[in-house]
Amino acid sequence: GRPLVAVLVSNAAYAWMIGAVFSTLIPLFGTESVGLSLGAV
């Protein structure tokens, strides 16, 4: 039902954010656009 779907989608969205933003975009954006070193990222 809608409550279970909402829970599952919320968990998927949170994991998506971890994989897409923290693990992928922030490291790449930090080094390539912001100009930070790997250590700073």
Full PDB file with SEQRES, HELIX, SHEET, SSBOND, CRYST1, ORIGX, SCALE, CONECT and MASTER records, all heavy atoms in Angstrom:
SEQRES   1 A   41  GLY ARG PRO LEU VAL ALA VAL LEU VAL SER ASN ALA ALA          
SEQRES   2 A   41  TYR ALA TRP MET ILE GLY ALA VAL PHE SER THR LEU ILE          
SEQRES   3 A   41  PRO LEU PHE GLY THR GLU SER VAL GLY LEU SER LEU GLY          
SEQRES   4 A   41  ALA VAL                                                      
HELIX    1 AA1 ARG A    2  MET A   17  1                                  16    
HELIX    2 AA2 ILE A   18  LEU A   25  3                                   8    
HELIX    3 AA3 ILE A   26  GLU A   32  1                                   7    
CRYST1    1.000    1.000    1.000  90.00  90.00  90.00 P 1           1          
ORIGX1      1.000000  0.000000  0.000000        0.00000                         
ORIGX2      0.000000  1.000000  0.000000        0.00000                         
ORIGX3      0.000000  0.000000  1.000000        0.00000                         
SCALE1      1.000000  0.000000  0.000000        0.00000                         
SCALE2      0.000000  1.000000  0.000000        0.00000                         
SCALE3      0.000000  0.000000  1.000000        0.00000                         
ATOM      1  N   GLY A   1       0.857  -1.171   0.000  1.00  0.00           N  
ATOM      2  CA  GLY A   1       0.000   0.000   0.000  1.00  0.00           C  
ATOM      3  C   GLY A   1       0.896   1.225   0.000  1.00  0.00           C  
ATOM      4  O   GLY A   1       2.128   1.124  -0.029  1.00  0.00           O  
ATOM      5  N   ARG A   2       0.283   2.376   0.059  1.00  0.00           N  
ATOM      6  CA  ARG A   2       1.066   3.604  -0.039  1.00  0.00           C  
ATOM      7  C   ARG A   2       2.085   3.766   1.091  1.00  0.00           C  
ATOM      8  O   ARG A   2       3.212   4.192   0.842  1.00  0.00           O  
ATOM      9  CB  ARG A   2       0.141   4.815  -0.103  1.00  0.00           C  
ATOM     10  CG  ARG A   2       0.876   6.095  -0.514  1.00  0.00           C  
ATOM     11  CD  ARG A   2      -0.072   7.241  -0.725  1.00  0.00           C  
ATOM     12  NE  ARG A   2      -0.971   6.983  -1.829  1.00  0.00           N  
ATOM     13  CZ  ARG A   2      -1.963   7.780  -2.182  1.00  0.00           C  
ATOM     14  NH1 ARG A   2      -2.194   8.882  -1.481  1.00  0.00           N  
ATOM     15  NH2 ARG A   2      -2.730   7.483  -3.204  1.00  0.00           N  
ATOM     16  N   PRO A   3       1.760   3.409   2.353  1.00  0.00           N  
ATOM     17  CA  PRO A   3       2.779   3.549   3.405  1.00  0.00           C  
ATOM     18  C   PRO A   3       4.029   2.719   3.141  1.00  0.00           C  
ATOM     19  O   PRO A   3       5.150   3.223   3.296  1.00  0.00           O  
ATOM     20  CB  PRO A   3       2.036   3.082   4.666  1.00  0.00           C  
ATOM     21  CG  PRO A   3       0.605   3.371   4.388  1.00  0.00           C  
ATOM     22  CD  PRO A   3       0.436   3.085   2.930  1.00  0.00           C  
ATOM     23  N   LEU A   4       3.855   1.454   2.724  1.00  0.00           N  
ATOM     24  CA  LEU A   4       5.031   0.621   2.458  1.00  0.00           C  
ATOM     25  C   LEU A   4       5.813   1.147   1.267  1.00  0.00           C  
ATOM     26  O   LEU A   4       7.052   1.196   1.288  1.00  0.00           O  
ATOM     27  CB  LEU A   4       4.602  -0.827   2.214  1.00  0.00           C  
ATOM     28  CG  LEU A   4       5.741  -1.818   1.913  1.00  0.00           C  
ATOM     29  CD1 LEU A   4       6.763  -1.843   3.043  1.00  0.00           C  
ATOM     30  CD2 LEU A   4       5.197  -3.219   1.659  1.00  0.00           C  
ATOM     31  N   VAL A   5       5.099   1.565   0.221  1.00  0.00           N  
ATOM     32  CA  VAL A   5       5.782   2.134  -0.949  1.00  0.00           C  
ATOM     33  C   VAL A   5       6.556   3.388  -0.557  1.00  0.00           C  
ATOM     34  O   VAL A   5       7.697   3.594  -0.993  1.00  0.00           O  
ATOM     35  CB  VAL A   5       4.771   2.435  -2.069  1.00  0.00           C  
ATOM     36  CG1 VAL A   5       5.441   3.191  -3.214  1.00  0.00           C  
ATOM     37  CG2 VAL A   5       4.160   1.141  -2.593  1.00  0.00           C  
ATOM     38  N   ALA A   6       5.963   4.222   0.286  1.00  0.00           N  
ATOM     39  CA  ALA A   6       6.646   5.444   0.730  1.00  0.00           C  
ATOM     40  C   ALA A   6       7.919   5.116   1.499  1.00  0.00           C  
ATOM     41  O   ALA A   6       8.957   5.771   1.318  1.00  0.00           O  
ATOM     42  CB  ALA A   6       5.705   6.285   1.596  1.00  0.00           C  
ATOM     43  N   VAL A   7       7.860   4.099   2.353  1.00  0.00           N  
ATOM     44  CA  VAL A   7       9.047   3.690   3.115  1.00  0.00           C  
ATOM     45  C   VAL A   7      10.132   3.185   2.169  1.00  0.00           C  
ATOM     46  O   VAL A   7      11.310   3.560   2.284  1.00  0.00           O  
ATOM     47  CB  VAL A   7       8.676   2.603   4.135  1.00  0.00           C  
ATOM     48  CG1 VAL A   7       9.935   2.020   4.763  1.00  0.00           C  
ATOM     49  CG2 VAL A   7       7.773   3.168   5.219  1.00  0.00           C  
ATOM     50  N   LEU A   8       9.760   2.326   1.231  1.00  0.00           N  
ATOM     51  CA  LEU A   8      10.742   1.746   0.321  1.00  0.00           C  
ATOM     52  C   LEU A   8      11.375   2.811  -0.576  1.00  0.00           C  
ATOM     53  O   LEU A   8      12.597   2.826  -0.781  1.00  0.00           O  
ATOM     54  CB  LEU A   8      10.091   0.656  -0.535  1.00  0.00           C  
ATOM     55  CG  LEU A   8       9.557  -0.572   0.227  1.00  0.00           C  
ATOM     56  CD1 LEU A   8       8.916  -1.552  -0.746  1.00  0.00           C  
ATOM     57  CD2 LEU A   8      10.666  -1.252   1.005  1.00  0.00           C  
ATOM     58  N   VAL A   9      10.554   3.708  -1.099  1.00  0.00           N  
ATOM     59  CA  VAL A   9      11.084   4.760  -1.971  1.00  0.00           C  
ATOM     60  C   VAL A   9      11.977   5.711  -1.172  1.00  0.00           C  
ATOM     61  O   VAL A   9      13.008   6.174  -1.675  1.00  0.00           O  
ATOM     62  CB  VAL A   9       9.936   5.522  -2.662  1.00  0.00           C  
ATOM     63  CG1 VAL A   9      10.467   6.727  -3.424  1.00  0.00           C  
ATOM     64  CG2 VAL A   9       9.197   4.588  -3.623  1.00  0.00           C  
ATOM     65  N   SER A  10      11.621   5.984   0.079  1.00  0.00           N  
ATOM     66  CA  SER A  10      12.461   6.844   0.920  1.00  0.00           C  
ATOM     67  C   SER A  10      13.822   6.217   1.145  1.00  0.00           C  
ATOM     68  O   SER A  10      14.859   6.897   1.085  1.00  0.00           O  
ATOM     69  CB  SER A  10      11.774   7.097   2.269  1.00  0.00           C  
ATOM     70  OG  SER A  10      10.577   7.807   2.103  1.00  0.00           O  
ATOM     71  N   ASN A  11      13.852   4.913   1.386  1.00  0.00           N  
ATOM     72  CA  ASN A  11      15.124   4.228   1.577  1.00  0.00           C  
ATOM     73  C   ASN A  11      15.938   4.212   0.289  1.00  0.00           C  
ATOM     74  O   ASN A  11      17.156   4.428   0.297  1.00  0.00           O  
ATOM     75  CB  ASN A  11      14.881   2.798   2.057  1.00  0.00           C  
ATOM     76  CG  ASN A  11      16.158   2.100   2.484  1.00  0.00           C  
ATOM     77  OD1 ASN A  11      16.987   2.669   3.186  1.00  0.00           O  
ATOM     78  ND2 ASN A  11      16.337   0.866   2.046  1.00  0.00           N  
ATOM     79  N   ALA A  12      15.274   3.962  -0.842  1.00  0.00           N  
ATOM     80  CA  ALA A  12      15.968   3.975  -2.129  1.00  0.00           C  
ATOM     81  C   ALA A  12      16.524   5.361  -2.440  1.00  0.00           C  
ATOM     82  O   ALA A  12      17.647   5.503  -2.944  1.00  0.00           O  
ATOM     83  CB  ALA A  12      15.026   3.522  -3.239  1.00  0.00           C  
ATOM     84  N   ALA A  13      15.736   6.411  -2.140  1.00  0.00           N  
ATOM     85  CA  ALA A  13      16.187   7.781  -2.403  1.00  0.00           C  
ATOM     86  C   ALA A  13      17.392   8.135  -1.540  1.00  0.00           C  
ATOM     87  O   ALA A  13      18.334   8.797  -2.006  1.00  0.00           O  
ATOM     88  CB  ALA A  13      15.049   8.758  -2.147  1.00  0.00           C  
ATOM     89  N   TYR A  14      17.370   7.694  -0.288  1.00  0.00           N  
ATOM     90  CA  TYR A  14      18.503   7.971   0.596  1.00  0.00           C  
ATOM     91  C   TYR A  14      19.762   7.260   0.100  1.00  0.00           C  
ATOM     92  O   TYR A  14      20.846   7.865   0.037  1.00  0.00           O  
ATOM     93  CB  TYR A  14      18.168   7.524   2.017  1.00  0.00           C  
ATOM     94  CG  TYR A  14      19.283   7.771   3.003  1.00  0.00           C  
ATOM     95  CD1 TYR A  14      19.519   9.044   3.492  1.00  0.00           C  
ATOM     96  CD2 TYR A  14      20.111   6.740   3.420  1.00  0.00           C  
ATOM     97  CE1 TYR A  14      20.549   9.294   4.390  1.00  0.00           C  
ATOM     98  CE2 TYR A  14      21.139   6.975   4.313  1.00  0.00           C  
ATOM     99  CZ  TYR A  14      21.354   8.246   4.795  1.00  0.00           C  
ATOM    100  OH  TYR A  14      22.382   8.477   5.669  1.00  0.00           O  
ATOM    101  N   ALA A  15      19.638   5.992  -0.277  1.00  0.00           N  
ATOM    102  CA  ALA A  15      20.793   5.255  -0.796  1.00  0.00           C  
ATOM    103  C   ALA A  15      21.270   5.840  -2.128  1.00  0.00           C  
ATOM    104  O   ALA A  15      22.472   5.880  -2.401  1.00  0.00           O  
ATOM    105  CB  ALA A  15      20.434   3.778  -0.963  1.00  0.00           C  
ATOM    106  N   TRP A  16      20.342   6.291  -2.951  1.00  0.00           N  
ATOM    107  CA  TRP A  16      20.688   6.951  -4.222  1.00  0.00           C  
ATOM    108  C   TRP A  16      21.542   8.186  -3.939  1.00  0.00           C  
ATOM    109  O   TRP A  16      22.560   8.423  -4.588  1.00  0.00           O  
ATOM    110  CB  TRP A  16      19.412   7.339  -4.951  1.00  0.00           C  
ATOM    111  CG  TRP A  16      19.604   7.979  -6.300  1.00  0.00           C  
ATOM    112  CD1 TRP A  16      20.169   9.192  -6.567  1.00  0.00           C  
ATOM    113  CD2 TRP A  16      19.235   7.429  -7.571  1.00  0.00           C  
ATOM    114  NE1 TRP A  16      20.165   9.451  -7.911  1.00  0.00           N  
ATOM    115  CE2 TRP A  16      19.600   8.381  -8.558  1.00  0.00           C  
ATOM    116  CE3 TRP A  16      18.621   6.251  -7.969  1.00  0.00           C  
ATOM    117  CZ2 TRP A  16      19.358   8.170  -9.913  1.00  0.00           C  
ATOM    118  CZ3 TRP A  16      18.385   6.040  -9.320  1.00  0.00           C  
ATOM    119  CH2 TRP A  16      18.753   6.992 -10.272  1.00  0.00           C  
ATOM    120  N   MET A  17      21.122   8.959  -2.950  1.00  0.00           N  
ATOM    121  CA  MET A  17      21.867  10.164  -2.595  1.00  0.00           C  
ATOM    122  C   MET A  17      23.286   9.816  -2.130  1.00  0.00           C  
ATOM    123  O   MET A  17      24.255  10.471  -2.514  1.00  0.00           O  
ATOM    124  CB  MET A  17      21.106  10.928  -1.506  1.00  0.00           C  
ATOM    125  CG  MET A  17      21.751  12.224  -1.049  1.00  0.00           C  
ATOM    126  SD  MET A  17      22.913  11.987   0.328  1.00  0.00           S  
ATOM    127  CE  MET A  17      21.869  11.254   1.555  1.00  0.00           C  
ATOM    128  N   ILE A  18      23.416   8.773  -1.311  1.00  0.00           N  
ATOM    129  CA  ILE A  18      24.741   8.366  -0.843  1.00  0.00           C  
ATOM    130  C   ILE A  18      25.631   7.974  -2.016  1.00  0.00           C  
ATOM    131  O   ILE A  18      26.791   8.394  -2.119  1.00  0.00           O  
ATOM    132  CB  ILE A  18      24.626   7.186   0.145  1.00  0.00           C  
ATOM    133  CG1 ILE A  18      23.865   7.608   1.414  1.00  0.00           C  
ATOM    134  CG2 ILE A  18      26.010   6.651   0.502  1.00  0.00           C  
ATOM    135  CD1 ILE A  18      24.574   8.634   2.244  1.00  0.00           C  
ATOM    136  N   GLY A  19      25.079   7.152  -2.920  1.00  0.00           N  
ATOM    137  CA  GLY A  19      25.881   6.685  -4.054  1.00  0.00           C  
ATOM    138  C   GLY A  19      26.148   7.766  -5.083  1.00  0.00           C  
ATOM    139  O   GLY A  19      27.271   7.908  -5.577  1.00  0.00           O  
ATOM    140  N   ALA A  20      25.115   8.543  -5.430  1.00  0.00           N  
ATOM    141  CA  ALA A  20      25.248   9.531  -6.497  1.00  0.00           C  
ATOM    142  C   ALA A  20      25.974  10.788  -6.038  1.00  0.00           C  
ATOM    143  O   ALA A  20      26.865  11.293  -6.745  1.00  0.00           O  
ATOM    144  CB  ALA A  20      23.857   9.907  -7.027  1.00  0.00           C  
ATOM    145  N   VAL A  21      25.611  11.304  -4.866  1.00  0.00           N  
ATOM    146  CA  VAL A  21      26.142  12.595  -4.428  1.00  0.00           C  
ATOM    147  C   VAL A  21      27.430  12.435  -3.632  1.00  0.00           C  
ATOM    148  O   VAL A  21      28.477  12.968  -3.989  1.00  0.00           O  
ATOM    149  CB  VAL A  21      25.082  13.358  -3.603  1.00  0.00           C  
ATOM    150  CG1 VAL A  21      25.649  14.694  -3.118  1.00  0.00           C  
ATOM    151  CG2 VAL A  21      23.834  13.595  -4.448  1.00  0.00           C  
ATOM    152  N   PHE A  22      27.388  11.677  -2.533  1.00  0.00           N  
ATOM    153  CA  PHE A  22      28.562  11.569  -1.666  1.00  0.00           C  
ATOM    154  C   PHE A  22      29.693  10.768  -2.305  1.00  0.00           C  
ATOM    155  O   PHE A  22      30.865  11.121  -2.180  1.00  0.00           O  
ATOM    156  CB  PHE A  22      28.182  10.924  -0.335  1.00  0.00           C  
ATOM    157  CG  PHE A  22      27.365  11.812   0.554  1.00  0.00           C  
ATOM    158  CD1 PHE A  22      26.715  11.306   1.659  1.00  0.00           C  
ATOM    159  CD2 PHE A  22      27.218  13.166   0.280  1.00  0.00           C  
ATOM    160  CE1 PHE A  22      25.944  12.119   2.488  1.00  0.00           C  
ATOM    161  CE2 PHE A  22      26.458  13.984   1.092  1.00  0.00           C  
ATOM    162  CZ  PHE A  22      25.825  13.462   2.191  1.00  0.00           C  
ATOM    163  N   SER A  23      29.335   9.653  -2.986  1.00  0.00           N  
ATOM    164  CA  SER A  23      30.375   8.774  -3.520  1.00  0.00           C  
ATOM    165  C   SER A  23      30.849   9.169  -4.912  1.00  0.00           C  
ATOM    166  O   SER A  23      31.925   8.754  -5.327  1.00  0.00           O  
ATOM    167  CB  SER A  23      29.864   7.322  -3.546  1.00  0.00           C  
ATOM    168  OG  SER A  23      29.546   6.870  -2.260  1.00  0.00           O  
ATOM    169  N   THR A  24      30.051   9.934  -5.648  1.00  0.00           N  
ATOM    170  CA  THR A  24      30.385  10.218  -7.053  1.00  0.00           C  
ATOM    171  C   THR A  24      30.537  11.711  -7.333  1.00  0.00           C  
ATOM    172  O   THR A  24      31.620  12.187  -7.714  1.00  0.00           O  
ATOM    173  CB  THR A  24      29.314   9.616  -7.977  1.00  0.00           C  
ATOM    174  OG1 THR A  24      29.145   8.227  -7.679  1.00  0.00           O  
ATOM    175  CG2 THR A  24      29.723   9.775  -9.445  1.00  0.00           C  
ATOM    176  N   LEU A  25      29.456  12.474  -7.153  1.00  0.00           N  
ATOM    177  CA  LEU A  25      29.488  13.866  -7.585  1.00  0.00           C  
ATOM    178  C   LEU A  25      30.399  14.742  -6.731  1.00  0.00           C  
ATOM    179  O   LEU A  25      31.167  15.563  -7.274  1.00  0.00           O  
ATOM    180  CB  LEU A  25      28.070  14.448  -7.581  1.00  0.00           C  
ATOM    181  CG  LEU A  25      27.145  13.975  -8.708  1.00  0.00           C  
ATOM    182  CD1 LEU A  25      25.755  14.577  -8.546  1.00  0.00           C  
ATOM    183  CD2 LEU A  25      27.724  14.345 -10.076  1.00  0.00           C  
ATOM    184  N   ILE A  26      30.328  14.619  -5.424  1.00  0.00           N  
ATOM    185  CA  ILE A  26      31.146  15.485  -4.573  1.00  0.00           C  
ATOM    186  C   ILE A  26      32.638  15.282  -4.818  1.00  0.00           C  
ATOM    187  O   ILE A  26      33.380  16.263  -4.964  1.00  0.00           O  
ATOM    188  CB  ILE A  26      30.763  15.291  -3.089  1.00  0.00           C  
ATOM    189  CG1 ILE A  26      29.436  15.990  -2.809  1.00  0.00           C  
ATOM    190  CG2 ILE A  26      31.849  15.829  -2.160  1.00  0.00           C  
ATOM    191  CD1 ILE A  26      28.929  15.855  -1.392  1.00  0.00           C  
ATOM    192  N   PRO A  27      33.151  14.033  -4.884  1.00  0.00           N  
ATOM    193  CA  PRO A  27      34.581  13.884  -5.194  1.00  0.00           C  
ATOM    194  C   PRO A  27      34.976  14.460  -6.558  1.00  0.00           C  
ATOM    195  O   PRO A  27      36.012  15.137  -6.681  1.00  0.00           O  
ATOM    196  CB  PRO A  27      34.794  12.361  -5.151  1.00  0.00           C  
ATOM    197  CG  PRO A  27      33.722  11.865  -4.244  1.00  0.00           C  
ATOM    198  CD  PRO A  27      32.541  12.737  -4.523  1.00  0.00           C  
ATOM    199  N   LEU A  28      34.144  14.207  -7.582  1.00  0.00           N  
ATOM    200  CA  LEU A  28      34.483  14.706  -8.915  1.00  0.00           C  
ATOM    201  C   LEU A  28      34.350  16.222  -8.998  1.00  0.00           C  
ATOM    202  O   LEU A  28      35.230  16.919  -9.524  1.00  0.00           O  
ATOM    203  CB  LEU A  28      33.572  14.045  -9.958  1.00  0.00           C  
ATOM    204  CG  LEU A  28      33.785  12.548 -10.202  1.00  0.00           C  
ATOM    205  CD1 LEU A  28      32.700  12.003 -11.123  1.00  0.00           C  
ATOM    206  CD2 LEU A  28      35.167  12.287 -10.782  1.00  0.00           C  
ATOM    207  N   PHE A  29      33.262  16.759  -8.505  1.00  0.00           N  
ATOM    208  CA  PHE A  29      33.023  18.190  -8.531  1.00  0.00           C  
ATOM    209  C   PHE A  29      34.081  18.935  -7.716  1.00  0.00           C  
ATOM    210  O   PHE A  29      34.570  20.005  -8.120  1.00  0.00           O  
ATOM    211  CB  PHE A  29      31.621  18.472  -7.979  1.00  0.00           C  
ATOM    212  CG  PHE A  29      31.236  19.926  -7.963  1.00  0.00           C  
ATOM    213  CD1 PHE A  29      31.058  20.636  -9.137  1.00  0.00           C  
ATOM    214  CD2 PHE A  29      31.017  20.579  -6.757  1.00  0.00           C  
ATOM    215  CE1 PHE A  29      30.682  21.977  -9.111  1.00  0.00           C  
ATOM    216  CE2 PHE A  29      30.652  21.917  -6.717  1.00  0.00           C  
ATOM    217  CZ  PHE A  29      30.475  22.623  -7.909  1.00  0.00           C  
ATOM    218  N   GLY A  30      34.441  18.371  -6.572  1.00  0.00           N  
ATOM    219  CA  GLY A  30      35.426  19.023  -5.708  1.00  0.00           C  
ATOM    220  C   GLY A  30      36.786  19.156  -6.351  1.00  0.00           C  
ATOM    221  O   GLY A  30      37.454  20.188  -6.208  1.00  0.00           O  
ATOM    222  N   THR A  31      37.210  18.130  -7.080  1.00  0.00           N  
ATOM    223  CA  THR A  31      38.536  18.184  -7.709  1.00  0.00           C  
ATOM    224  C   THR A  31      38.517  18.919  -9.046  1.00  0.00           C  
ATOM    225  O   THR A  31      39.410  19.712  -9.335  1.00  0.00           O  
ATOM    226  CB  THR A  31      39.083  16.757  -7.918  1.00  0.00           C  
ATOM    227  OG1 THR A  31      38.123  15.979  -8.661  1.00  0.00           O  
ATOM    228  CG2 THR A  31      39.355  16.085  -6.586  1.00  0.00           C  
ATOM    229  N   GLU A  32      37.481  18.696  -9.864  1.00  0.00           N  
ATOM    230  CA  GLU A  32      37.477  19.209 -11.229  1.00  0.00           C  
ATOM    231  C   GLU A  32      36.920  20.627 -11.347  1.00  0.00           C  
ATOM    232  O   GLU A  32      37.367  21.393 -12.212  1.00  0.00           O  
ATOM    233  CB  GLU A  32      36.692  18.260 -12.135  1.00  0.00           C  
ATOM    234  CG  GLU A  32      37.346  16.880 -12.251  1.00  0.00           C  
ATOM    235  CD  GLU A  32      36.574  15.962 -13.167  1.00  0.00           C  
ATOM    236  OE1 GLU A  32      35.564  16.402 -13.764  1.00  0.00           O  
ATOM    237  OE2 GLU A  32      36.969  14.781 -13.303  1.00  0.00           O  
ATOM    238  N   SER A  33      35.962  20.990 -10.534  1.00  0.00           N  
ATOM    239  CA  SER A  33      35.346  22.320 -10.649  1.00  0.00           C  
ATOM    240  C   SER A  33      35.757  23.274  -9.531  1.00  0.00           C  
ATOM    241  O   SER A  33      35.982  24.457  -9.761  1.00  0.00           O  
ATOM    242  CB  SER A  33      33.815  22.199 -10.668  1.00  0.00           C  
ATOM    243  OG  SER A  33      33.376  21.574 -11.849  1.00  0.00           O  
ATOM    244  N   VAL A  34      35.836  22.743  -8.304  1.00  0.00           N  
ATOM    245  CA  VAL A  34      36.210  23.602  -7.176  1.00  0.00           C  
ATOM    246  C   VAL A  34      37.725  23.758  -7.095  1.00  0.00           C  
ATOM    247  O   VAL A  34      38.231  24.758  -6.581  1.00  0.00           O  
ATOM    248  CB  VAL A  34      35.639  23.023  -5.863  1.00  0.00           C  
ATOM    249  CG1 VAL A  34      35.953  23.933  -4.678  1.00  0.00           C  
ATOM    250  CG2 VAL A  34      34.135  22.833  -5.977  1.00  0.00           C  
ATOM    251  N   GLY A  35      38.476  22.774  -7.615  1.00  0.00           N  
ATOM    252  CA  GLY A  35      39.935  22.852  -7.624  1.00  0.00           C  
ATOM    253  C   GLY A  35      40.590  22.368  -6.340  1.00  0.00           C  
ATOM    254  O   GLY A  35      41.730  22.734  -6.046  1.00  0.00           O  
ATOM    255  N   LEU A  36      39.914  21.529  -5.581  1.00  0.00           N  
ATOM    256  CA  LEU A  36      40.486  21.004  -4.343  1.00  0.00           C  
ATOM    257  C   LEU A  36      41.354  19.782  -4.629  1.00  0.00           C  
ATOM    258  O   LEU A  36      41.178  19.092  -5.631  1.00  0.00           O  
ATOM    259  CB  LEU A  36      39.370  20.618  -3.370  1.00  0.00           C  
ATOM    260  CG  LEU A  36      38.459  21.752  -2.872  1.00  0.00           C  
ATOM    261  CD1 LEU A  36      37.355  21.178  -2.011  1.00  0.00           C  
ATOM    262  CD2 LEU A  36      39.265  22.779  -2.089  1.00  0.00           C  
ATOM    263  N   SER A  37      42.284  19.522  -3.731  1.00  0.00           N  
ATOM    264  CA  SER A  37      43.089  18.309  -3.831  1.00  0.00           C  
ATOM    265  C   SER A  37      42.264  17.118  -3.359  1.00  0.00           C  
ATOM    266  O   SER A  37      41.203  17.270  -2.725  1.00  0.00           O  
ATOM    267  CB  SER A  37      44.334  18.431  -2.954  1.00  0.00           C  
ATOM    268  OG  SER A  37      43.967  18.494  -1.583  1.00  0.00           O  
ATOM    269  N   LEU A  38      42.763  15.919  -3.655  1.00  0.00           N  
ATOM    270  CA  LEU A  38      42.072  14.722  -3.189  1.00  0.00           C  
ATOM    271  C   LEU A  38      41.993  14.691  -1.666  1.00  0.00           C  
ATOM    272  O   LEU A  38      40.995  14.253  -1.090  1.00  0.00           O  
ATOM    273  CB  LEU A  38      42.789  13.471  -3.715  1.00  0.00           C  
ATOM    274  CG  LEU A  38      42.644  13.193  -5.218  1.00  0.00           C  
ATOM    275  CD1 LEU A  38      43.503  12.005  -5.610  1.00  0.00           C  
ATOM    276  CD2 LEU A  38      41.182  12.924  -5.574  1.00  0.00           C  
ATOM    277  N   GLY A  39      43.051  15.169  -1.029  1.00  0.00           N  
ATOM    278  CA  GLY A  39      43.048  15.206   0.432  1.00  0.00           C  
ATOM    279  C   GLY A  39      41.982  16.135   0.974  1.00  0.00           C  
ATOM    280  O   GLY A  39      41.310  15.830   1.962  1.00  0.00           O  
ATOM    281  N   ALA A  40      41.798  17.289   0.321  1.00  0.00           N  
ATOM    282  CA  ALA A  40      40.778  18.241   0.760  1.00  0.00           C  
ATOM    283  C   ALA A  40      39.374  17.686   0.543  1.00  0.00           C  
ATOM    284  O   ALA A  40      38.481  17.886   1.372  1.00  0.00           O  
ATOM    285  CB  ALA A  40      40.941  19.567   0.025  1.00  0.00           C  
ATOM    286  N   VAL A  41      39.177  16.977  -0.575  1.00  0.00           N  
ATOM    287  CA  VAL A  41      37.874  16.350  -0.820  1.00  0.00           C  
ATOM    288  C   VAL A  41      37.610  15.275   0.230  1.00  0.00           C  
ATOM    289  O   VAL A  41      36.490  15.146   0.741  1.00  0.00           O  
ATOM    290  CB  VAL A  41      37.817  15.767  -2.237  1.00  0.00           C  
ATOM    291  CG1 VAL A  41      36.565  14.919  -2.412  1.00  0.00           C  
ATOM    292  CG2 VAL A  41      37.843  16.877  -3.274  1.00  0.00           C  
TER     293      VAL A  41                                                      
MASTER        0    0    0    3    0    0    0    6  292    1    0    4          
END                                                                             
